[in-house]
N, C-alpha and C. Protein backbone atom coordinates (compact mmCIF):
# COMPACT_ATOMS: atom_id res chain seq x y z
N MET A 1 -47.87 -75.09 55.08
CA MET A 1 -48.57 -75.13 53.79
C MET A 1 -48.33 -76.44 53.06
N ASN A 2 -47.09 -76.97 53.14
CA ASN A 2 -46.78 -78.20 52.42
C ASN A 2 -46.96 -79.46 53.27
N GLN A 3 -47.50 -79.28 54.48
CA GLN A 3 -47.70 -80.43 55.34
C GLN A 3 -48.79 -81.34 54.78
N SER A 4 -48.59 -82.63 54.97
CA SER A 4 -49.62 -83.59 54.55
C SER A 4 -50.81 -83.52 55.48
N LEU A 5 -51.96 -83.86 54.95
CA LEU A 5 -53.19 -83.83 55.73
C LEU A 5 -53.32 -85.06 56.61
N HIS A 6 -53.94 -84.89 57.75
CA HIS A 6 -54.26 -86.02 58.61
C HIS A 6 -55.31 -86.88 57.91
N LYS A 7 -55.34 -88.14 58.25
CA LYS A 7 -56.29 -89.07 57.64
C LYS A 7 -57.74 -88.60 57.83
N ILE A 8 -58.04 -88.03 59.00
CA ILE A 8 -59.40 -87.54 59.27
C ILE A 8 -59.75 -86.41 58.30
N SER A 9 -58.81 -85.49 58.08
CA SER A 9 -59.06 -84.36 57.17
C SER A 9 -59.28 -84.85 55.75
N ARG A 10 -58.50 -85.81 55.32
CA ARG A 10 -58.67 -86.35 53.97
C ARG A 10 -60.04 -87.00 53.81
N LEU A 11 -60.50 -87.72 54.83
CA LEU A 11 -61.82 -88.34 54.77
C LEU A 11 -62.92 -87.27 54.73
N VAL A 12 -62.74 -86.18 55.49
CA VAL A 12 -63.72 -85.09 55.48
C VAL A 12 -63.79 -84.46 54.09
N VAL A 13 -62.63 -84.20 53.49
CA VAL A 13 -62.59 -83.60 52.16
C VAL A 13 -63.24 -84.53 51.14
N LEU A 14 -62.95 -85.82 51.23
CA LEU A 14 -63.55 -86.79 50.32
C LEU A 14 -65.07 -86.82 50.47
N ALA A 15 -65.53 -86.90 51.72
CA ALA A 15 -66.98 -86.95 51.96
C ALA A 15 -67.67 -85.68 51.48
N CYS A 16 -67.06 -84.52 51.76
CA CYS A 16 -67.65 -83.25 51.33
C CYS A 16 -67.69 -83.14 49.81
N SER A 17 -66.61 -83.52 49.17
CA SER A 17 -66.56 -83.47 47.70
C SER A 17 -67.66 -84.33 47.08
N LEU A 18 -67.79 -85.55 47.58
CA LEU A 18 -68.80 -86.47 47.03
C LEU A 18 -70.22 -86.01 47.37
N SER A 19 -70.38 -85.35 48.52
CA SER A 19 -71.72 -84.87 48.90
C SER A 19 -72.23 -83.81 47.93
N LEU A 20 -71.33 -83.09 47.28
CA LEU A 20 -71.73 -82.02 46.35
C LEU A 20 -72.37 -82.58 45.08
N ILE A 21 -72.20 -83.87 44.83
CA ILE A 21 -72.89 -84.50 43.69
C ILE A 21 -74.40 -84.34 43.85
N SER A 22 -74.86 -84.19 45.08
CA SER A 22 -76.29 -84.03 45.34
C SER A 22 -76.87 -82.80 44.64
N ALA A 23 -76.02 -81.82 44.29
CA ALA A 23 -76.49 -80.61 43.61
C ALA A 23 -77.16 -80.93 42.28
N TYR A 24 -76.83 -82.07 41.70
CA TYR A 24 -77.43 -82.46 40.43
C TYR A 24 -78.82 -83.07 40.60
N PHE A 25 -79.19 -83.37 41.85
CA PHE A 25 -80.43 -84.11 42.09
C PHE A 25 -81.36 -83.44 43.10
N THR A 26 -80.94 -82.34 43.70
CA THR A 26 -81.76 -81.66 44.70
C THR A 26 -81.83 -80.17 44.39
N PRO A 27 -82.91 -79.49 44.79
CA PRO A 27 -82.97 -78.04 44.57
C PRO A 27 -81.93 -77.32 45.43
N LEU A 28 -81.36 -76.26 44.88
CA LEU A 28 -80.32 -75.51 45.57
C LEU A 28 -80.89 -74.34 46.37
N TRP A 29 -81.94 -73.74 45.86
CA TRP A 29 -82.48 -72.52 46.48
C TRP A 29 -84.00 -72.57 46.39
N GLN A 30 -84.67 -71.80 47.25
CA GLN A 30 -86.12 -71.77 47.22
C GLN A 30 -86.63 -70.37 47.50
N ILE A 31 -87.73 -70.03 46.85
CA ILE A 31 -88.45 -68.80 47.13
C ILE A 31 -89.87 -69.22 47.47
N LEU A 32 -90.32 -68.81 48.65
CA LEU A 32 -91.66 -69.15 49.13
C LEU A 32 -92.45 -67.86 49.31
N MET A 33 -93.75 -67.91 49.02
CA MET A 33 -94.59 -66.73 49.13
C MET A 33 -95.93 -67.09 49.77
N TRP A 34 -96.41 -66.21 50.66
CA TRP A 34 -97.71 -66.38 51.30
C TRP A 34 -98.50 -65.09 51.19
N ALA A 35 -99.80 -65.22 51.05
CA ALA A 35 -100.71 -64.07 51.03
C ALA A 35 -102.07 -64.56 51.50
N PRO A 36 -102.97 -63.64 51.88
CA PRO A 36 -104.30 -64.08 52.33
C PRO A 36 -105.01 -64.98 51.32
N GLN A 37 -104.82 -64.70 50.02
CA GLN A 37 -105.47 -65.53 49.01
C GLN A 37 -104.71 -66.82 48.72
N TYR A 38 -103.49 -66.94 49.26
CA TYR A 38 -102.69 -68.17 49.11
C TYR A 38 -102.15 -68.58 50.48
N PRO A 39 -103.04 -68.93 51.42
CA PRO A 39 -102.55 -69.27 52.78
C PRO A 39 -101.66 -70.52 52.80
N GLU A 40 -101.86 -71.41 51.79
CA GLU A 40 -101.01 -72.61 51.73
C GLU A 40 -99.64 -72.29 51.15
N GLY A 41 -99.50 -71.11 50.56
CA GLY A 41 -98.21 -70.65 50.04
C GLY A 41 -97.94 -71.09 48.62
N LEU A 42 -97.04 -70.38 48.00
CA LEU A 42 -96.53 -70.70 46.67
C LEU A 42 -95.04 -70.91 46.79
N GLN A 43 -94.49 -71.76 45.94
CA GLN A 43 -93.05 -72.02 46.03
C GLN A 43 -92.42 -72.08 44.64
N MET A 44 -91.18 -71.64 44.61
CA MET A 44 -90.37 -71.80 43.41
C MET A 44 -89.03 -72.39 43.85
N LYS A 45 -88.70 -73.52 43.27
CA LYS A 45 -87.43 -74.20 43.58
C LYS A 45 -86.45 -73.95 42.44
N ILE A 46 -85.23 -73.59 42.81
CA ILE A 46 -84.18 -73.35 41.82
C ILE A 46 -83.19 -74.51 41.88
N TRP A 47 -83.10 -75.22 40.78
CA TRP A 47 -82.21 -76.37 40.66
C TRP A 47 -80.95 -75.96 39.92
N ILE A 48 -80.07 -76.88 39.66
CA ILE A 48 -78.81 -76.58 38.99
C ILE A 48 -79.03 -76.11 37.54
N ASN A 49 -80.13 -76.55 36.93
CA ASN A 49 -80.39 -76.13 35.54
C ASN A 49 -81.89 -76.02 35.22
N ASN A 50 -82.70 -75.82 36.26
CA ASN A 50 -84.14 -75.79 36.02
C ASN A 50 -84.87 -75.09 37.17
N LEU A 51 -86.15 -74.83 36.96
CA LEU A 51 -87.04 -74.27 37.96
C LEU A 51 -88.20 -75.23 38.15
N SER A 52 -88.74 -75.29 39.35
CA SER A 52 -89.92 -76.12 39.58
C SER A 52 -90.81 -75.44 40.61
N GLY A 53 -91.98 -76.02 40.82
CA GLY A 53 -92.91 -75.45 41.79
C GLY A 53 -94.02 -74.68 41.09
N ASP A 54 -94.48 -73.63 41.75
CA ASP A 54 -95.60 -72.83 41.26
C ASP A 54 -95.14 -71.67 40.38
N VAL A 55 -94.20 -71.95 39.49
CA VAL A 55 -93.59 -70.90 38.67
C VAL A 55 -94.62 -70.19 37.80
N LYS A 56 -95.54 -70.93 37.19
CA LYS A 56 -96.54 -70.31 36.30
C LYS A 56 -97.49 -69.40 37.08
N ILE A 57 -97.90 -69.83 38.25
CA ILE A 57 -98.80 -69.00 39.07
C ILE A 57 -98.08 -67.73 39.52
N ILE A 58 -96.85 -67.88 39.99
CA ILE A 58 -96.07 -66.71 40.44
C ILE A 58 -95.86 -65.74 39.28
N SER A 59 -95.54 -66.26 38.10
CA SER A 59 -95.35 -65.40 36.92
C SER A 59 -96.63 -64.66 36.57
N ALA A 60 -97.77 -65.36 36.64
CA ALA A 60 -99.05 -64.72 36.32
C ALA A 60 -99.36 -63.60 37.31
N LEU A 61 -99.09 -63.82 38.59
CA LEU A 61 -99.31 -62.78 39.59
C LEU A 61 -98.36 -61.61 39.37
N ASN A 62 -97.09 -61.92 39.08
CA ASN A 62 -96.09 -60.87 38.86
C ASN A 62 -96.42 -60.01 37.66
N HIS A 63 -97.11 -60.58 36.68
CA HIS A 63 -97.48 -59.84 35.47
C HIS A 63 -98.32 -58.60 35.81
N TYR A 64 -99.17 -58.72 36.83
CA TYR A 64 -100.05 -57.61 37.19
C TYR A 64 -99.29 -56.40 37.71
N ILE A 65 -98.11 -56.63 38.27
CA ILE A 65 -97.32 -55.50 38.79
C ILE A 65 -96.16 -55.15 37.85
N GLY A 66 -96.16 -55.74 36.65
CA GLY A 66 -95.20 -55.34 35.63
C GLY A 66 -93.92 -56.14 35.56
N MET A 67 -93.85 -57.25 36.29
CA MET A 67 -92.64 -58.08 36.25
C MET A 67 -92.71 -59.03 35.06
N ARG A 68 -91.54 -59.40 34.56
CA ARG A 68 -91.47 -60.31 33.41
C ARG A 68 -91.86 -61.73 33.80
N THR A 69 -92.22 -62.51 32.80
CA THR A 69 -92.52 -63.93 33.01
C THR A 69 -91.24 -64.66 33.41
N ILE A 70 -91.34 -65.46 34.45
CA ILE A 70 -90.17 -66.23 34.90
C ILE A 70 -90.03 -67.46 34.01
N GLU A 71 -88.90 -67.56 33.34
CA GLU A 71 -88.62 -68.70 32.46
C GLU A 71 -87.19 -69.16 32.67
N VAL A 72 -86.96 -70.41 32.37
CA VAL A 72 -85.60 -70.97 32.48
C VAL A 72 -84.62 -70.18 31.61
N SER A 73 -85.10 -69.71 30.46
CA SER A 73 -84.22 -68.99 29.52
C SER A 73 -83.70 -67.68 30.07
N MET A 74 -84.32 -67.13 31.13
CA MET A 74 -83.83 -65.88 31.69
C MET A 74 -82.65 -66.10 32.64
N PHE A 75 -82.25 -67.34 32.83
CA PHE A 75 -81.12 -67.68 33.69
C PHE A 75 -80.00 -68.31 32.86
N PRO A 76 -79.11 -67.51 32.26
CA PRO A 76 -78.02 -68.10 31.48
C PRO A 76 -77.10 -68.98 32.33
N GLU A 77 -77.15 -68.78 33.65
CA GLU A 77 -76.33 -69.59 34.56
C GLU A 77 -76.65 -71.08 34.45
N PHE A 78 -77.89 -71.40 34.08
CA PHE A 78 -78.28 -72.80 33.95
C PHE A 78 -77.48 -73.52 32.87
N ASN A 79 -76.90 -72.77 31.94
CA ASN A 79 -76.11 -73.38 30.86
C ASN A 79 -74.73 -73.83 31.31
N TYR A 80 -74.21 -73.22 32.38
CA TYR A 80 -72.85 -73.57 32.79
C TYR A 80 -72.70 -73.95 34.27
N LEU A 81 -73.77 -73.84 35.05
CA LEU A 81 -73.67 -74.16 36.47
C LEU A 81 -73.30 -75.63 36.70
N ILE A 82 -73.77 -76.52 35.83
CA ILE A 82 -73.42 -77.93 35.99
C ILE A 82 -71.92 -78.15 35.88
N TYR A 83 -71.26 -77.33 35.05
CA TYR A 83 -69.80 -77.45 34.88
C TYR A 83 -69.05 -76.83 36.07
N ILE A 84 -69.60 -75.74 36.60
CA ILE A 84 -68.96 -75.11 37.78
C ILE A 84 -69.00 -76.07 38.96
N VAL A 85 -70.16 -76.68 39.20
CA VAL A 85 -70.26 -77.64 40.31
C VAL A 85 -69.33 -78.82 40.07
N GLY A 86 -69.27 -79.30 38.82
CA GLY A 86 -68.34 -80.40 38.50
C GLY A 86 -66.90 -80.02 38.77
N ALA A 87 -66.53 -78.77 38.47
CA ALA A 87 -65.15 -78.30 38.73
C ALA A 87 -64.88 -78.24 40.22
N ILE A 88 -65.88 -77.80 41.01
CA ILE A 88 -65.70 -77.74 42.46
C ILE A 88 -65.47 -79.14 43.02
N ILE A 89 -66.27 -80.10 42.57
CA ILE A 89 -66.11 -81.48 43.01
C ILE A 89 -64.72 -81.99 42.63
N ALA A 90 -64.29 -81.68 41.41
CA ALA A 90 -62.96 -82.13 40.94
C ALA A 90 -61.85 -81.52 41.79
N ILE A 91 -61.99 -80.25 42.16
CA ILE A 91 -60.98 -79.59 43.01
C ILE A 91 -60.92 -80.28 44.36
N GLY A 92 -62.08 -80.64 44.91
CA GLY A 92 -62.10 -81.34 46.20
C GLY A 92 -61.44 -82.71 46.12
N LEU A 93 -61.76 -83.46 45.07
CA LEU A 93 -61.15 -84.80 44.92
C LEU A 93 -59.65 -84.69 44.65
N THR A 94 -59.26 -83.64 43.93
CA THR A 94 -57.83 -83.42 43.68
C THR A 94 -57.12 -83.09 44.98
N ALA A 95 -57.79 -82.34 45.86
CA ALA A 95 -57.19 -82.02 47.17
C ALA A 95 -56.94 -83.28 47.98
N VAL A 96 -57.85 -84.26 47.86
CA VAL A 96 -57.65 -85.54 48.55
C VAL A 96 -56.39 -86.23 48.00
N LEU A 97 -56.21 -86.20 46.68
CA LEU A 97 -55.06 -86.87 46.06
C LEU A 97 -53.75 -86.13 46.36
N ILE A 98 -53.79 -84.80 46.30
CA ILE A 98 -52.57 -84.01 46.56
C ILE A 98 -52.14 -84.17 48.01
N ASN A 99 -53.15 -84.19 48.92
CA ASN A 99 -52.89 -84.48 50.32
C ASN A 99 -51.97 -83.44 50.98
N LYS A 100 -52.18 -82.17 50.68
CA LYS A 100 -51.40 -81.09 51.28
C LYS A 100 -52.35 -80.03 51.84
N ARG A 101 -51.88 -79.32 52.86
CA ARG A 101 -52.72 -78.29 53.48
C ARG A 101 -53.14 -77.21 52.49
N TRP A 102 -52.25 -76.84 51.57
CA TRP A 102 -52.59 -75.79 50.61
C TRP A 102 -53.74 -76.21 49.70
N SER A 103 -53.82 -77.53 49.41
CA SER A 103 -54.92 -78.00 48.56
C SER A 103 -56.26 -77.94 49.31
N LEU A 104 -56.21 -78.15 50.62
CA LEU A 104 -57.39 -78.00 51.46
C LEU A 104 -57.84 -76.54 51.46
N MET A 105 -56.88 -75.63 51.58
CA MET A 105 -57.18 -74.20 51.56
C MET A 105 -57.75 -73.77 50.21
N LEU A 106 -57.22 -74.33 49.15
CA LEU A 106 -57.73 -74.01 47.81
C LEU A 106 -59.18 -74.48 47.66
N PHE A 107 -59.48 -75.66 48.16
CA PHE A 107 -60.85 -76.18 48.09
C PHE A 107 -61.80 -75.29 48.88
N LEU A 108 -61.39 -74.90 50.09
CA LEU A 108 -62.22 -74.02 50.91
C LEU A 108 -62.44 -72.68 50.21
N ALA A 109 -61.36 -72.11 49.66
CA ALA A 109 -61.47 -70.82 48.96
C ALA A 109 -62.42 -70.94 47.77
N THR A 110 -62.36 -72.05 47.06
CA THR A 110 -63.25 -72.28 45.91
C THR A 110 -64.70 -72.30 46.37
N LEU A 111 -64.99 -73.00 47.46
CA LEU A 111 -66.36 -73.08 47.98
C LEU A 111 -66.87 -71.70 48.41
N VAL A 112 -66.02 -70.96 49.12
CA VAL A 112 -66.44 -69.65 49.64
C VAL A 112 -66.65 -68.66 48.50
N ILE A 113 -65.70 -68.59 47.58
CA ILE A 113 -65.81 -67.64 46.46
C ILE A 113 -67.02 -67.97 45.59
N THR A 114 -67.23 -69.26 45.33
CA THR A 114 -68.38 -69.66 44.53
C THR A 114 -69.69 -69.32 45.24
N GLY A 115 -69.73 -69.54 46.55
CA GLY A 115 -70.94 -69.22 47.32
C GLY A 115 -71.27 -67.73 47.28
N PHE A 116 -70.26 -66.89 47.51
CA PHE A 116 -70.49 -65.44 47.45
C PHE A 116 -70.83 -65.00 46.03
N GLY A 117 -70.20 -65.63 45.04
CA GLY A 117 -70.51 -65.31 43.65
C GLY A 117 -71.95 -65.65 43.31
N ALA A 118 -72.44 -66.78 43.81
CA ALA A 118 -73.83 -67.18 43.56
C ALA A 118 -74.80 -66.21 44.21
N LEU A 119 -74.50 -65.78 45.44
CA LEU A 119 -75.36 -64.81 46.12
C LEU A 119 -75.38 -63.47 45.38
N LEU A 120 -74.22 -63.02 44.93
CA LEU A 120 -74.15 -61.76 44.18
C LEU A 120 -74.94 -61.87 42.89
N ASP A 121 -74.79 -62.98 42.19
CA ASP A 121 -75.50 -63.21 40.94
C ASP A 121 -77.02 -63.20 41.17
N PHE A 122 -77.47 -63.85 42.24
CA PHE A 122 -78.89 -63.88 42.57
C PHE A 122 -79.40 -62.50 42.94
N TYR A 123 -78.59 -61.74 43.70
CA TYR A 123 -78.99 -60.37 44.06
C TYR A 123 -79.15 -59.51 42.81
N LEU A 124 -78.20 -59.58 41.89
CA LEU A 124 -78.27 -58.77 40.67
C LEU A 124 -79.48 -59.16 39.82
N TRP A 125 -79.76 -60.48 39.72
CA TRP A 125 -80.95 -60.91 38.99
C TRP A 125 -82.21 -60.37 39.67
N GLY A 126 -82.29 -60.50 41.00
CA GLY A 126 -83.46 -60.03 41.74
C GLY A 126 -83.66 -58.53 41.61
N TYR A 127 -82.55 -57.80 41.62
CA TYR A 127 -82.64 -56.34 41.49
C TYR A 127 -83.22 -55.98 40.12
N ASP A 128 -82.68 -56.58 39.08
CA ASP A 128 -83.15 -56.31 37.72
C ASP A 128 -84.62 -56.74 37.58
N TYR A 129 -84.95 -57.90 38.09
CA TYR A 129 -86.29 -58.44 37.96
C TYR A 129 -87.32 -57.60 38.72
N GLY A 130 -86.92 -57.09 39.87
CA GLY A 130 -87.85 -56.35 40.71
C GLY A 130 -87.93 -54.86 40.43
N HIS A 131 -86.95 -54.32 39.67
CA HIS A 131 -86.93 -52.88 39.39
C HIS A 131 -87.32 -52.52 37.95
N ASN A 132 -87.00 -53.39 37.00
CA ASN A 132 -87.33 -53.10 35.60
C ASN A 132 -88.74 -53.58 35.29
N LEU A 133 -89.69 -52.73 35.60
CA LEU A 133 -91.10 -53.09 35.51
C LEU A 133 -91.73 -52.52 34.25
N ASN A 134 -92.74 -53.20 33.77
CA ASN A 134 -93.51 -52.73 32.61
C ASN A 134 -94.35 -51.52 33.04
N PRO A 135 -94.12 -50.34 32.43
CA PRO A 135 -94.89 -49.15 32.84
C PRO A 135 -96.38 -49.25 32.50
N GLU A 136 -96.75 -50.23 31.67
CA GLU A 136 -98.16 -50.40 31.29
C GLU A 136 -98.85 -51.46 32.17
N ALA A 137 -98.22 -51.87 33.26
CA ALA A 137 -98.79 -52.92 34.12
C ALA A 137 -100.14 -52.48 34.69
N PRO A 138 -101.06 -53.43 34.88
CA PRO A 138 -102.38 -53.09 35.44
C PRO A 138 -102.30 -52.46 36.84
N ILE A 139 -101.34 -52.93 37.66
CA ILE A 139 -101.19 -52.39 39.02
C ILE A 139 -99.85 -51.68 39.09
N ARG A 140 -99.89 -50.37 39.39
CA ARG A 140 -98.66 -49.58 39.51
C ARG A 140 -98.70 -48.83 40.84
N VAL A 141 -97.66 -49.00 41.63
CA VAL A 141 -97.53 -48.27 42.90
C VAL A 141 -96.30 -47.38 42.76
N PRO A 142 -96.49 -46.06 42.68
CA PRO A 142 -95.35 -45.16 42.47
C PRO A 142 -94.25 -45.37 43.51
N GLY A 143 -93.02 -45.51 43.00
CA GLY A 143 -91.86 -45.68 43.87
C GLY A 143 -91.66 -47.07 44.42
N MET A 144 -92.55 -47.98 44.09
CA MET A 144 -92.47 -49.35 44.63
C MET A 144 -91.66 -50.24 43.70
N SER A 145 -90.77 -51.01 44.28
CA SER A 145 -90.05 -52.05 43.54
C SER A 145 -90.35 -53.38 44.22
N TYR A 146 -90.10 -54.47 43.52
CA TYR A 146 -90.51 -55.78 44.01
C TYR A 146 -89.35 -56.76 44.01
N GLN A 147 -88.19 -56.29 44.39
CA GLN A 147 -87.02 -57.17 44.42
C GLN A 147 -87.23 -58.26 45.47
N PRO A 148 -87.14 -59.54 45.07
CA PRO A 148 -87.29 -60.60 46.07
C PRO A 148 -86.15 -60.54 47.08
N PRO A 149 -86.38 -61.02 48.30
CA PRO A 149 -85.30 -60.96 49.28
C PRO A 149 -84.13 -61.84 48.86
N LEU A 150 -82.92 -61.38 49.15
CA LEU A 150 -81.73 -62.19 48.86
C LEU A 150 -81.70 -63.39 49.81
N LEU A 151 -81.96 -63.12 51.06
CA LEU A 151 -81.93 -64.15 52.10
C LEU A 151 -82.86 -63.70 53.22
N GLY A 152 -83.79 -64.53 53.58
CA GLY A 152 -84.72 -64.16 54.63
C GLY A 152 -86.08 -63.78 54.10
N THR A 153 -86.80 -62.96 54.88
CA THR A 153 -88.19 -62.63 54.60
C THR A 153 -88.34 -61.15 54.27
N LYS A 154 -89.31 -60.87 53.39
CA LYS A 154 -89.58 -59.49 52.97
C LYS A 154 -91.05 -59.37 52.61
N GLN A 155 -91.65 -58.22 52.95
CA GLN A 155 -93.04 -57.97 52.60
C GLN A 155 -93.08 -57.27 51.25
N LEU A 156 -93.84 -57.84 50.30
CA LEU A 156 -94.03 -57.27 48.96
C LEU A 156 -95.53 -57.13 48.73
N LEU A 157 -96.05 -55.91 48.92
CA LEU A 157 -97.49 -55.66 48.90
C LEU A 157 -98.16 -56.59 49.91
N ASN A 158 -99.13 -57.41 49.49
CA ASN A 158 -99.80 -58.28 50.45
C ASN A 158 -99.15 -59.66 50.55
N PHE A 159 -98.00 -59.82 49.90
CA PHE A 159 -97.28 -61.10 49.95
C PHE A 159 -96.11 -61.02 50.92
N THR A 160 -95.91 -62.09 51.66
CA THR A 160 -94.68 -62.26 52.44
C THR A 160 -93.82 -63.24 51.66
N ALA A 161 -92.63 -62.80 51.27
CA ALA A 161 -91.73 -63.63 50.47
C ALA A 161 -90.54 -64.07 51.31
N PHE A 162 -90.15 -65.32 51.15
CA PHE A 162 -88.97 -65.86 51.82
C PHE A 162 -88.04 -66.43 50.76
N SER A 163 -86.75 -66.20 50.93
CA SER A 163 -85.73 -66.75 50.04
C SER A 163 -84.63 -67.36 50.89
N GLY A 164 -84.21 -68.57 50.52
CA GLY A 164 -83.15 -69.20 51.29
C GLY A 164 -82.71 -70.52 50.66
N PRO A 165 -81.68 -71.11 51.23
CA PRO A 165 -81.17 -72.38 50.69
C PRO A 165 -82.22 -73.48 50.76
N ASP A 166 -82.15 -74.38 49.79
CA ASP A 166 -82.95 -75.61 49.83
C ASP A 166 -81.97 -76.75 50.12
N ILE A 167 -82.38 -77.98 49.95
CA ILE A 167 -81.56 -79.13 50.35
C ILE A 167 -80.15 -79.05 49.79
N GLY A 168 -80.01 -78.85 48.47
CA GLY A 168 -78.68 -78.79 47.87
C GLY A 168 -77.85 -77.63 48.39
N GLY A 169 -78.50 -76.48 48.63
CA GLY A 169 -77.79 -75.33 49.19
C GLY A 169 -77.27 -75.60 50.58
N TRP A 170 -78.11 -76.27 51.40
CA TRP A 170 -77.66 -76.60 52.76
C TRP A 170 -76.50 -77.60 52.73
N ILE A 171 -76.50 -78.49 51.76
CA ILE A 171 -75.37 -79.43 51.65
C ILE A 171 -74.08 -78.66 51.31
N PHE A 172 -74.17 -77.69 50.40
CA PHE A 172 -73.01 -76.86 50.08
C PHE A 172 -72.52 -76.09 51.31
N ILE A 173 -73.46 -75.50 52.06
CA ILE A 173 -73.08 -74.73 53.26
C ILE A 173 -72.44 -75.66 54.29
N SER A 174 -73.03 -76.82 54.51
CA SER A 174 -72.48 -77.77 55.49
C SER A 174 -71.09 -78.24 55.07
N ALA A 175 -70.92 -78.52 53.78
CA ALA A 175 -69.60 -78.95 53.29
C ALA A 175 -68.57 -77.86 53.52
N SER A 176 -68.94 -76.61 53.28
CA SER A 176 -68.01 -75.49 53.49
C SER A 176 -67.58 -75.40 54.94
N TRP A 177 -68.54 -75.53 55.86
CA TRP A 177 -68.21 -75.47 57.28
C TRP A 177 -67.34 -76.65 57.71
N LEU A 178 -67.63 -77.83 57.17
CA LEU A 178 -66.80 -79.00 57.51
C LEU A 178 -65.37 -78.84 56.99
N ILE A 179 -65.23 -78.28 55.79
CA ILE A 179 -63.88 -78.04 55.25
C ILE A 179 -63.15 -76.99 56.08
N PHE A 180 -63.88 -75.96 56.48
CA PHE A 180 -63.30 -74.95 57.37
C PHE A 180 -62.85 -75.59 58.68
N GLY A 181 -63.69 -76.48 59.23
CA GLY A 181 -63.33 -77.19 60.46
C GLY A 181 -62.09 -78.06 60.27
N ALA A 182 -61.98 -78.70 59.11
CA ALA A 182 -60.80 -79.52 58.82
C ALA A 182 -59.55 -78.65 58.76
N LEU A 183 -59.67 -77.46 58.20
CA LEU A 183 -58.53 -76.56 58.12
C LEU A 183 -58.11 -76.08 59.51
N VAL A 184 -59.09 -75.75 60.34
CA VAL A 184 -58.78 -75.35 61.73
C VAL A 184 -58.10 -76.49 62.45
N PHE A 185 -58.61 -77.70 62.26
CA PHE A 185 -57.99 -78.89 62.87
C PHE A 185 -56.55 -79.03 62.41
N GLU A 186 -56.31 -78.89 61.12
CA GLU A 186 -54.95 -79.03 60.56
C GLU A 186 -54.01 -77.98 61.14
N MET A 187 -54.49 -76.77 61.32
CA MET A 187 -53.62 -75.67 61.73
C MET A 187 -53.36 -75.64 63.24
N PHE A 188 -54.35 -76.08 64.04
CA PHE A 188 -54.22 -75.85 65.49
C PHE A 188 -54.28 -77.12 66.35
N PHE A 189 -54.85 -78.20 65.84
CA PHE A 189 -55.08 -79.35 66.71
C PHE A 189 -54.37 -80.62 66.28
N LYS A 190 -53.90 -80.68 65.05
CA LYS A 190 -53.30 -81.91 64.56
C LYS A 190 -52.05 -82.27 65.36
N LYS A 191 -51.24 -81.27 65.72
CA LYS A 191 -50.00 -81.55 66.47
C LYS A 191 -50.30 -82.17 67.82
N LYS A 192 -51.43 -81.81 68.42
CA LYS A 192 -51.77 -82.34 69.73
C LYS A 192 -52.09 -83.83 69.68
N LEU A 193 -52.52 -84.31 68.51
CA LEU A 193 -52.80 -85.74 68.37
C LEU A 193 -51.53 -86.57 68.31
N LYS A 194 -50.45 -85.93 67.86
CA LYS A 194 -49.19 -86.68 67.74
C LYS A 194 -48.59 -86.80 69.08
């Protein structure tokens, strides 16, 4: 636990920490939708503090089945996500300075817990958004809910919806795997190099 990190591991942690800065400039998540009337598809990109893409069109379509208008204000996470990502980057850079195996483990744990927390938060939002429908909606299908998929593809009436990581999300996932690889290297392979 108190062993110093190999130079390779420190460089991996440094590179991964700095790569997370991309979260401020790239979309983290995406929701894509296709239907016969939209063969080119509709998209909604979720950034660290904003939404982009065909949000107005998707909201207008969702209105017919009783879903609320999608607005930035419905995501309180946008108010503090920039600070959470900043804290994760700071933990990674601190791990480079501390230069101990436990700091590498702390950085990995932070990435994993934050990732699962983000997925849980998105699932809870999707559940609420897809189940709490306006009973006065023009189109009502008894027993039908419209929760967007957490990950992967789902059929919602005549729409096929896909939800998954976008560029920033893939960078977070890649960084997590690289940090995990550095930890495995530290625990099982570093001694063989000596």
